[in-house]
């Protein structure tokens, strides 16, 4: 039974890496019916969060864990500002509030069910100019953590354009 659990965890990790590696800008069906979030020069972090979540929710995974999104405050993961989190939850019905994901016994868990949870984290987000920003994103699932990917965001006149740097070989 333990071997099957490890196999399932390994397969889940492979599927999650594949889902998070897509370069599609399409979101989930509910997200595609809403106006894009990458067309506001004043909200680059929201645009990046939408980009990362859109790639994940566009994947064809049949069974998803509880999914939350966070940022870091230098000590650990914390919720995005409430307006951003609500806007993303409206767009992605599979996204839970960060308060539902907790780090318990070194493992991210859904506080309602006790099952493993997935937390996408945005960190080291900075804008050197109003039209040029960068930030990192990675996800944590249970006790596993993915390598961080760096995103460059450049304002293309009508929307943010994302360039993703692959994680360094030593980080994988």
N, C-alpha and C. Protein backbone atom coordinates (compact mmCIF):
# COMPACT_ATOMS: atom_id res chain seq x y z
N UNK A 1 0.83 -1.19 0.00
CA UNK A 1 0.00 0.00 0.00
C UNK A 1 0.87 1.25 0.00
N UNK A 2 1.97 1.23 0.77
CA UNK A 2 2.87 2.37 0.82
C UNK A 2 3.49 2.62 -0.55
N UNK A 3 3.85 1.55 -1.27
CA UNK A 3 4.42 1.69 -2.60
C UNK A 3 3.42 2.33 -3.56
N UNK A 4 2.15 1.95 -3.47
CA UNK A 4 1.13 2.56 -4.34
C UNK A 4 0.98 4.04 -4.02
N UNK A 5 1.05 4.41 -2.76
CA UNK A 5 0.95 5.81 -2.37
C UNK A 5 2.11 6.61 -2.94
N UNK A 6 3.31 6.04 -2.88
CA UNK A 6 4.48 6.71 -3.45
C UNK A 6 4.35 6.83 -4.97
N UNK A 7 3.87 5.78 -5.61
CA UNK A 7 3.66 5.81 -7.05
C UNK A 7 2.65 6.88 -7.42
N UNK A 8 1.55 6.94 -6.69
CA UNK A 8 0.52 7.96 -6.96
C UNK A 8 1.08 9.35 -6.75
N UNK A 9 1.88 9.54 -5.70
CA UNK A 9 2.49 10.85 -5.45
C UNK A 9 3.44 11.21 -6.57
N UNK A 10 4.24 10.25 -7.02
CA UNK A 10 5.18 10.48 -8.13
C UNK A 10 4.46 10.84 -9.41
N UNK A 11 3.40 10.10 -9.73
CA UNK A 11 2.62 10.40 -10.93
C UNK A 11 1.95 11.76 -10.84
N UNK A 12 1.45 12.08 -9.66
CA UNK A 12 0.83 13.40 -9.48
C UNK A 12 1.85 14.50 -9.70
N UNK A 13 3.06 14.31 -9.19
CA UNK A 13 4.10 15.33 -9.37
C UNK A 13 4.44 15.51 -10.84
N UNK A 14 4.53 14.41 -11.60
CA UNK A 14 4.82 14.51 -13.03
C UNK A 14 3.70 15.25 -13.75
N UNK A 15 2.46 14.92 -13.44
CA UNK A 15 1.33 15.60 -14.07
C UNK A 15 1.32 17.08 -13.72
N UNK A 16 1.63 17.42 -12.49
CA UNK A 16 1.61 18.81 -12.07
C UNK A 16 2.71 19.60 -12.75
N UNK A 17 3.90 19.02 -12.87
CA UNK A 17 4.99 19.70 -13.57
C UNK A 17 4.60 19.94 -15.01
N UNK A 18 4.01 18.93 -15.66
CA UNK A 18 3.58 19.08 -17.04
C UNK A 18 2.54 20.17 -17.16
N UNK A 19 1.57 20.19 -16.27
CA UNK A 19 0.51 21.19 -16.33
C UNK A 19 1.06 22.59 -16.12
N UNK A 20 2.01 22.75 -15.22
CA UNK A 20 2.54 24.07 -14.90
C UNK A 20 3.57 24.54 -15.92
N UNK A 21 4.00 23.65 -16.82
CA UNK A 21 5.00 24.02 -17.82
C UNK A 21 4.39 24.49 -19.12
N UNK A 22 3.10 24.43 -19.26
CA UNK A 22 2.46 24.87 -20.50
C UNK A 22 2.71 26.35 -20.71
N UNK A 23 2.74 26.77 -21.98
CA UNK A 23 2.94 28.18 -22.28
C UNK A 23 1.66 28.82 -22.78
N UNK A 24 0.58 28.10 -22.76
CA UNK A 24 -0.70 28.64 -23.20
C UNK A 24 -1.13 29.80 -22.32
N UNK A 25 -1.79 30.79 -22.94
CA UNK A 25 -2.34 31.89 -22.15
C UNK A 25 -3.83 31.69 -21.91
N UNK A 26 -4.38 30.61 -22.43
CA UNK A 26 -5.81 30.35 -22.22
C UNK A 26 -6.04 29.89 -20.80
N UNK A 27 -7.16 30.29 -20.23
CA UNK A 27 -7.51 29.88 -18.88
C UNK A 27 -8.59 28.84 -18.92
N UNK A 28 -9.17 28.58 -17.80
CA UNK A 28 -10.28 27.64 -17.72
C UNK A 28 -11.48 28.23 -18.45
N UNK A 29 -12.48 27.39 -18.75
CA UNK A 29 -13.66 27.87 -19.48
C UNK A 29 -14.28 29.08 -18.83
N UNK A 30 -14.41 29.07 -17.50
CA UNK A 30 -15.02 30.21 -16.83
C UNK A 30 -14.15 31.45 -16.96
N UNK A 31 -12.84 31.25 -17.00
CA UNK A 31 -11.93 32.39 -17.12
C UNK A 31 -12.01 33.01 -18.50
N UNK A 32 -12.21 32.20 -19.54
CA UNK A 32 -12.23 32.74 -20.90
C UNK A 32 -13.45 33.61 -21.15
N UNK A 33 -14.50 33.47 -20.35
CA UNK A 33 -15.69 34.29 -20.51
C UNK A 33 -15.54 35.66 -19.84
N UNK A 34 -14.50 35.83 -19.05
CA UNK A 34 -14.27 37.08 -18.34
C UNK A 34 -13.23 37.92 -19.09
N UNK A 35 -13.22 39.24 -18.87
CA UNK A 35 -12.21 40.07 -19.54
C UNK A 35 -10.81 39.66 -19.08
N UNK A 36 -9.82 39.80 -19.94
CA UNK A 36 -8.46 39.39 -19.57
C UNK A 36 -7.90 40.25 -18.43
N UNK A 37 -7.02 39.66 -17.65
CA UNK A 37 -6.39 40.38 -16.56
C UNK A 37 -5.00 40.90 -16.93
N UNK A 38 -4.56 40.59 -18.14
CA UNK A 38 -3.23 41.03 -18.54
C UNK A 38 -3.25 42.36 -19.29
N UNK A 39 -4.41 43.03 -19.32
CA UNK A 39 -4.51 44.27 -20.08
C UNK A 39 -4.56 45.53 -19.20
N UNK A 40 -4.12 45.42 -17.95
CA UNK A 40 -4.09 46.57 -17.04
C UNK A 40 -2.65 46.81 -16.61
N UNK A 41 -2.06 47.89 -17.10
CA UNK A 41 -0.66 48.19 -16.78
C UNK A 41 -0.45 48.40 -15.29
N UNK A 42 -1.51 48.73 -14.57
CA UNK A 42 -1.41 48.99 -13.13
C UNK A 42 -1.40 47.72 -12.28
N UNK A 43 -1.67 46.55 -12.88
CA UNK A 43 -1.80 45.31 -12.09
C UNK A 43 -0.94 44.17 -12.65
N UNK A 44 0.38 44.38 -12.71
CA UNK A 44 1.22 43.32 -13.27
C UNK A 44 1.26 42.04 -12.42
N UNK A 45 1.21 42.17 -11.09
CA UNK A 45 1.25 40.96 -10.26
C UNK A 45 -0.02 40.13 -10.44
N UNK A 46 -1.16 40.80 -10.58
CA UNK A 46 -2.41 40.09 -10.84
C UNK A 46 -2.33 39.40 -12.20
N UNK A 47 -1.74 40.07 -13.18
CA UNK A 47 -1.58 39.47 -14.51
C UNK A 47 -0.72 38.22 -14.45
N UNK A 48 0.37 38.27 -13.66
CA UNK A 48 1.23 37.09 -13.53
C UNK A 48 0.49 35.95 -12.82
N UNK A 49 -0.23 36.27 -11.76
CA UNK A 49 -0.99 35.23 -11.05
C UNK A 49 -1.99 34.58 -11.99
N UNK A 50 -2.68 35.38 -12.80
CA UNK A 50 -3.64 34.85 -13.77
C UNK A 50 -2.95 33.98 -14.81
N UNK A 51 -1.79 34.40 -15.26
CA UNK A 51 -1.03 33.63 -16.25
C UNK A 51 -0.65 32.25 -15.70
N UNK A 52 -0.12 32.23 -14.50
CA UNK A 52 0.32 30.97 -13.88
C UNK A 52 -0.89 30.06 -13.63
N UNK A 53 -1.93 30.60 -13.02
CA UNK A 53 -3.12 29.79 -12.74
C UNK A 53 -3.84 29.37 -14.02
N UNK A 54 -3.88 30.25 -15.00
CA UNK A 54 -4.52 29.92 -16.27
C UNK A 54 -3.88 28.71 -16.93
N UNK A 55 -2.55 28.64 -16.90
CA UNK A 55 -1.86 27.48 -17.47
C UNK A 55 -2.21 26.21 -16.72
N UNK A 56 -2.27 26.30 -15.40
CA UNK A 56 -2.59 25.11 -14.61
C UNK A 56 -4.04 24.66 -14.85
N UNK A 57 -4.99 25.58 -14.74
CA UNK A 57 -6.39 25.20 -14.88
C UNK A 57 -6.77 24.85 -16.32
N UNK A 58 -5.97 25.24 -17.30
CA UNK A 58 -6.23 24.86 -18.69
C UNK A 58 -5.81 23.42 -18.97
N UNK A 59 -5.01 22.84 -18.08
CA UNK A 59 -4.57 21.46 -18.27
C UNK A 59 -5.75 20.51 -18.09
N UNK A 60 -5.60 19.30 -18.58
CA UNK A 60 -6.71 18.36 -18.56
C UNK A 60 -6.61 17.35 -17.41
N UNK A 61 -6.10 17.77 -16.28
CA UNK A 61 -6.06 16.88 -15.12
C UNK A 61 -7.48 16.58 -14.67
N UNK A 62 -7.76 15.32 -14.45
CA UNK A 62 -9.13 14.96 -14.07
C UNK A 62 -9.38 15.12 -12.57
N UNK A 63 -8.38 14.89 -11.76
CA UNK A 63 -8.54 15.02 -10.32
C UNK A 63 -7.53 16.04 -9.82
N UNK A 64 -8.04 17.15 -9.33
CA UNK A 64 -7.17 18.21 -8.84
C UNK A 64 -7.23 18.27 -7.32
N UNK A 65 -6.09 18.59 -6.71
CA UNK A 65 -6.13 18.82 -5.27
C UNK A 65 -6.73 20.20 -5.00
N UNK A 66 -6.91 20.53 -3.75
CA UNK A 66 -7.27 21.89 -3.39
C UNK A 66 -6.12 22.78 -3.82
N UNK A 67 -6.43 23.89 -4.49
CA UNK A 67 -5.42 24.80 -5.02
C UNK A 67 -5.60 26.17 -4.40
N UNK A 68 -4.49 26.74 -3.92
CA UNK A 68 -4.48 28.10 -3.36
C UNK A 68 -3.34 28.87 -4.02
N UNK A 69 -3.37 30.19 -3.90
CA UNK A 69 -2.28 31.02 -4.40
C UNK A 69 -1.84 31.95 -3.28
N UNK A 70 -0.53 32.21 -3.24
CA UNK A 70 0.05 33.01 -2.16
C UNK A 70 1.18 33.87 -2.70
N UNK A 71 1.66 34.72 -1.84
CA UNK A 71 2.89 35.45 -2.06
C UNK A 71 3.72 35.25 -0.80
N UNK A 72 4.93 35.75 -0.78
CA UNK A 72 5.74 35.59 0.43
C UNK A 72 5.99 36.94 1.09
N UNK A 73 6.17 36.90 2.39
CA UNK A 73 6.47 38.12 3.13
C UNK A 73 7.90 38.09 3.69
N UNK A 74 8.71 37.19 3.18
CA UNK A 74 10.08 37.03 3.66
C UNK A 74 10.21 35.96 4.72
N UNK A 75 9.11 35.59 5.35
CA UNK A 75 9.12 34.54 6.39
C UNK A 75 8.39 33.29 5.92
N UNK A 76 7.46 33.47 5.00
CA UNK A 76 6.66 32.34 4.53
C UNK A 76 5.54 32.82 3.63
N UNK A 77 4.71 31.89 3.22
CA UNK A 77 3.61 32.21 2.32
C UNK A 77 2.49 32.93 3.07
N UNK A 78 1.93 33.93 2.42
CA UNK A 78 0.79 34.68 2.94
C UNK A 78 -0.20 34.89 1.79
N UNK A 79 -1.41 35.22 2.14
CA UNK A 79 -2.45 35.43 1.12
C UNK A 79 -2.13 36.66 0.27
N UNK A 80 -2.55 36.61 -0.98
CA UNK A 80 -2.50 37.81 -1.82
C UNK A 80 -3.46 38.82 -1.22
N UNK A 81 -3.36 40.07 -1.64
CA UNK A 81 -4.32 41.04 -1.12
C UNK A 81 -5.71 40.55 -1.51
N UNK A 82 -6.68 40.83 -0.63
CA UNK A 82 -8.01 40.23 -0.75
C UNK A 82 -8.66 40.47 -2.11
N UNK A 83 -8.54 41.66 -2.66
CA UNK A 83 -9.15 41.95 -3.96
C UNK A 83 -8.59 41.08 -5.07
N UNK A 84 -7.27 40.86 -5.04
CA UNK A 84 -6.65 40.00 -6.05
C UNK A 84 -7.13 38.56 -5.90
N UNK A 85 -7.14 38.07 -4.67
CA UNK A 85 -7.56 36.69 -4.43
C UNK A 85 -9.01 36.48 -4.88
N UNK A 86 -9.89 37.42 -4.56
CA UNK A 86 -11.30 37.30 -4.95
C UNK A 86 -11.46 37.34 -6.47
N UNK A 87 -10.71 38.21 -7.13
CA UNK A 87 -10.80 38.28 -8.59
C UNK A 87 -10.35 36.97 -9.22
N UNK A 88 -9.29 36.38 -8.70
CA UNK A 88 -8.81 35.10 -9.22
C UNK A 88 -9.77 33.96 -8.90
N UNK A 89 -10.37 33.96 -7.70
CA UNK A 89 -11.32 32.91 -7.34
C UNK A 89 -12.58 33.00 -8.20
N UNK A 90 -12.98 34.20 -8.59
CA UNK A 90 -14.13 34.36 -9.49
C UNK A 90 -13.80 33.75 -10.85
N UNK A 91 -12.59 33.93 -11.29
CA UNK A 91 -12.12 33.45 -12.59
C UNK A 91 -11.90 31.94 -12.59
N UNK A 92 -11.41 31.41 -11.48
CA UNK A 92 -11.07 29.98 -11.39
C UNK A 92 -11.84 29.36 -10.22
N UNK A 93 -12.99 28.76 -10.49
CA UNK A 93 -13.79 28.16 -9.41
C UNK A 93 -13.03 27.09 -8.62
N UNK A 94 -12.01 26.48 -9.19
CA UNK A 94 -11.22 25.48 -8.48
C UNK A 94 -10.20 26.07 -7.52
N UNK A 95 -10.09 27.40 -7.48
CA UNK A 95 -9.15 28.06 -6.59
C UNK A 95 -9.81 28.33 -5.25
N UNK A 96 -9.16 27.88 -4.19
CA UNK A 96 -9.69 28.07 -2.83
C UNK A 96 -9.01 29.28 -2.19
N UNK A 97 -9.64 29.87 -1.18
CA UNK A 97 -8.95 30.95 -0.46
C UNK A 97 -7.71 30.41 0.24
N UNK A 98 -6.69 31.24 0.34
CA UNK A 98 -5.44 30.79 0.95
C UNK A 98 -5.66 30.27 2.38
N UNK A 99 -6.64 30.81 3.05
CA UNK A 99 -6.91 30.37 4.43
C UNK A 99 -7.28 28.89 4.50
N UNK A 100 -7.64 28.29 3.39
CA UNK A 100 -7.99 26.87 3.37
C UNK A 100 -6.77 25.98 3.22
N UNK A 101 -5.63 26.55 2.86
CA UNK A 101 -4.39 25.79 2.72
C UNK A 101 -3.48 26.12 3.90
N UNK A 102 -3.00 25.11 4.57
CA UNK A 102 -2.15 25.34 5.75
C UNK A 102 -0.94 24.41 5.70
N UNK A 103 0.17 24.94 6.19
CA UNK A 103 1.39 24.15 6.30
C UNK A 103 1.36 23.46 7.67
N UNK A 104 1.03 22.17 7.65
CA UNK A 104 0.92 21.39 8.88
C UNK A 104 1.90 20.23 8.82
N UNK A 105 2.74 20.09 9.82
CA UNK A 105 3.74 19.01 9.85
C UNK A 105 4.57 18.99 8.56
N UNK A 106 5.01 20.17 8.12
CA UNK A 106 5.86 20.34 6.93
C UNK A 106 5.18 19.91 5.64
N UNK A 107 3.85 19.90 5.61
CA UNK A 107 3.12 19.49 4.43
C UNK A 107 1.92 20.42 4.21
N UNK A 108 1.73 20.88 2.96
CA UNK A 108 0.58 21.72 2.66
C UNK A 108 -0.67 20.85 2.61
N UNK A 109 -1.68 21.26 3.39
CA UNK A 109 -2.90 20.47 3.50
C UNK A 109 -4.13 21.36 3.36
N UNK A 110 -5.20 20.75 2.90
CA UNK A 110 -6.51 21.39 2.88
C UNK A 110 -7.04 21.31 4.31
N UNK A 111 -7.31 22.47 4.91
CA UNK A 111 -7.75 22.47 6.31
C UNK A 111 -9.14 21.87 6.49
N UNK A 112 -9.93 21.81 5.42
CA UNK A 112 -11.27 21.21 5.52
C UNK A 112 -11.23 19.69 5.45
N UNK A 113 -10.36 19.15 4.57
CA UNK A 113 -10.36 17.71 4.32
C UNK A 113 -9.16 16.97 4.89
N UNK A 114 -8.06 17.68 5.13
CA UNK A 114 -6.83 17.03 5.56
C UNK A 114 -6.02 16.46 4.41
N UNK A 115 -6.55 16.55 3.18
CA UNK A 115 -5.83 16.05 2.00
C UNK A 115 -4.69 17.00 1.64
N UNK A 116 -3.75 16.50 0.85
CA UNK A 116 -2.65 17.34 0.37
C UNK A 116 -3.23 18.49 -0.46
N UNK A 117 -2.63 19.65 -0.34
CA UNK A 117 -3.06 20.83 -1.09
C UNK A 117 -1.91 21.34 -1.94
N UNK A 118 -2.25 22.06 -2.99
CA UNK A 118 -1.26 22.67 -3.87
C UNK A 118 -1.32 24.19 -3.67
N UNK A 119 -0.17 24.78 -3.44
CA UNK A 119 -0.08 26.23 -3.26
C UNK A 119 0.87 26.79 -4.30
N UNK A 120 0.35 27.67 -5.15
CA UNK A 120 1.20 28.41 -6.08
C UNK A 120 1.69 29.65 -5.34
N UNK A 121 2.97 29.93 -5.44
CA UNK A 121 3.55 31.07 -4.73
C UNK A 121 4.23 32.01 -5.71
N UNK A 122 3.91 33.30 -5.60
CA UNK A 122 4.58 34.35 -6.37
C UNK A 122 5.52 35.06 -5.40
N UNK A 123 6.74 35.27 -5.82
CA UNK A 123 7.67 35.94 -4.91
C UNK A 123 8.71 36.75 -5.67
N UNK A 124 9.40 37.60 -4.94
CA UNK A 124 10.45 38.48 -5.46
C UNK A 124 9.92 39.25 -6.67
N UNK A 125 8.72 39.80 -6.53
CA UNK A 125 8.08 40.54 -7.62
C UNK A 125 8.51 42.00 -7.54
N UNK A 126 9.12 42.50 -8.62
CA UNK A 126 9.56 43.89 -8.65
C UNK A 126 9.32 44.48 -10.03
N UNK A 127 9.14 45.78 -10.06
CA UNK A 127 9.01 46.51 -11.32
C UNK A 127 10.11 47.56 -11.35
N UNK A 128 11.00 47.45 -12.34
CA UNK A 128 12.07 48.44 -12.47
C UNK A 128 11.56 49.71 -13.13
N UNK A 129 10.52 49.56 -13.91
CA UNK A 129 9.82 50.68 -14.54
C UNK A 129 8.35 50.31 -14.57
N UNK A 130 7.48 51.26 -14.88
CA UNK A 130 6.04 50.98 -14.91
C UNK A 130 5.69 49.94 -15.96
N UNK A 131 6.54 49.76 -16.96
CA UNK A 131 6.22 48.82 -18.04
C UNK A 131 7.14 47.60 -18.09
N UNK A 132 7.89 47.35 -17.01
CA UNK A 132 8.81 46.21 -16.99
C UNK A 132 8.91 45.66 -15.57
N UNK A 133 8.47 44.42 -15.40
CA UNK A 133 8.47 43.78 -14.08
C UNK A 133 9.03 42.37 -14.20
N UNK A 134 9.36 41.81 -13.06
CA UNK A 134 9.77 40.40 -13.04
C UNK A 134 9.36 39.80 -11.70
N UNK A 135 9.24 38.49 -11.71
CA UNK A 135 8.88 37.79 -10.50
C UNK A 135 9.10 36.30 -10.68
N UNK A 136 9.05 35.60 -9.60
CA UNK A 136 9.24 34.16 -9.61
C UNK A 136 7.95 33.47 -9.18
N UNK A 137 7.79 32.25 -9.67
CA UNK A 137 6.64 31.44 -9.28
C UNK A 137 7.09 30.00 -9.13
N UNK A 138 6.54 29.35 -8.15
CA UNK A 138 6.71 27.91 -7.99
C UNK A 138 5.47 27.39 -7.29
N UNK A 139 5.37 26.09 -7.19
CA UNK A 139 4.24 25.52 -6.46
C UNK A 139 4.74 24.51 -5.45
N UNK A 140 3.94 24.31 -4.44
CA UNK A 140 4.20 23.32 -3.41
C UNK A 140 2.99 22.40 -3.37
N UNK A 141 3.25 21.11 -3.32
CA UNK A 141 2.17 20.12 -3.25
C UNK A 141 2.52 19.14 -2.15
N UNK A 142 1.74 19.15 -1.08
CA UNK A 142 2.08 18.31 0.07
C UNK A 142 3.43 18.74 0.60
N UNK A 143 4.40 17.82 0.56
CA UNK A 143 5.76 18.13 1.02
C UNK A 143 6.71 18.44 -0.13
N UNK A 144 6.23 18.38 -1.35
CA UNK A 144 7.07 18.61 -2.53
C UNK A 144 7.05 20.08 -2.94
N UNK A 145 8.19 20.56 -3.45
CA UNK A 145 8.29 21.93 -3.95
C UNK A 145 8.92 21.90 -5.34
N UNK A 146 8.31 22.60 -6.28
CA UNK A 146 8.86 22.66 -7.62
C UNK A 146 9.99 23.69 -7.68
N UNK A 147 10.87 23.58 -8.66
CA UNK A 147 11.85 24.65 -8.87
C UNK A 147 11.11 25.94 -9.25
N UNK A 148 11.67 27.07 -8.89
CA UNK A 148 11.05 28.35 -9.24
C UNK A 148 11.36 28.72 -10.68
N UNK A 149 10.37 29.31 -11.33
CA UNK A 149 10.56 29.85 -12.68
C UNK A 149 10.52 31.36 -12.59
N UNK A 150 11.42 32.02 -13.30
CA UNK A 150 11.43 33.48 -13.35
C UNK A 150 10.61 33.93 -14.55
N UNK A 151 9.76 34.92 -14.31
CA UNK A 151 8.95 35.50 -15.37
C UNK A 151 9.35 36.96 -15.57
N UNK A 152 9.54 37.34 -16.80
CA UNK A 152 9.73 38.74 -17.17
C UNK A 152 8.42 39.22 -17.77
N UNK A 153 7.92 40.35 -17.29
CA UNK A 153 6.69 40.93 -17.82
C UNK A 153 7.04 42.27 -18.45
N UNK A 154 6.68 42.42 -19.71
CA UNK A 154 6.90 43.68 -20.42
C UNK A 154 5.57 44.13 -20.99
N UNK A 155 5.29 45.41 -20.82
CA UNK A 155 4.04 45.97 -21.33
C UNK A 155 4.16 46.10 -22.84
N UNK A 156 3.25 45.46 -23.56
CA UNK A 156 3.27 45.46 -25.02
C UNK A 156 2.36 46.51 -25.63
N UNK A 157 1.92 47.48 -24.87
CA UNK A 157 1.04 48.53 -25.39
C UNK A 157 -0.42 48.29 -25.05
N UNK A 158 -0.85 47.03 -25.09
CA UNK A 158 -2.24 46.69 -24.78
C UNK A 158 -2.35 45.60 -23.72
N UNK A 159 -1.26 44.89 -23.47
CA UNK A 159 -1.30 43.82 -22.49
C UNK A 159 0.12 43.49 -22.04
N UNK A 160 0.21 42.78 -20.92
CA UNK A 160 1.49 42.30 -20.43
C UNK A 160 1.91 41.09 -21.27
N UNK A 161 3.18 41.05 -21.65
CA UNK A 161 3.75 39.94 -22.39
C UNK A 161 4.70 39.20 -21.43
N UNK A 162 4.53 37.89 -21.34
CA UNK A 162 5.27 37.08 -20.37
C UNK A 162 6.37 36.29 -21.06
N UNK A 163 7.54 36.32 -20.46
CA UNK A 163 8.65 35.47 -20.90
C UNK A 163 9.07 34.67 -19.69
N UNK A 164 9.09 33.35 -19.85
CA UNK A 164 9.41 32.47 -18.72
C UNK A 164 10.80 31.89 -18.92
N UNK A 165 11.65 32.07 -17.94
CA UNK A 165 12.96 31.44 -17.96
C UNK A 165 12.83 30.06 -17.32
N UNK A 166 13.43 29.08 -17.95
CA UNK A 166 13.41 27.74 -17.38
C UNK A 166 14.23 27.72 -16.09
N UNK A 167 13.85 26.88 -15.15
CA UNK A 167 14.65 26.77 -13.91
C UNK A 167 16.07 26.32 -14.25
N UNK A 168 17.03 26.74 -13.45
CA UNK A 168 18.41 26.31 -13.64
C UNK A 168 18.52 24.83 -13.36
N UNK A 169 19.44 24.17 -14.07
CA UNK A 169 19.61 22.73 -13.96
C UNK A 169 19.87 22.31 -12.51
N UNK A 170 20.62 23.07 -11.75
CA UNK A 170 20.92 22.74 -10.36
C UNK A 170 19.72 22.83 -9.44
N UNK A 171 18.64 23.48 -9.89
CA UNK A 171 17.45 23.63 -9.06
C UNK A 171 16.46 22.49 -9.25
N UNK A 172 16.65 21.69 -10.27
CA UNK A 172 15.67 20.64 -10.57
C UNK A 172 15.91 19.40 -9.79
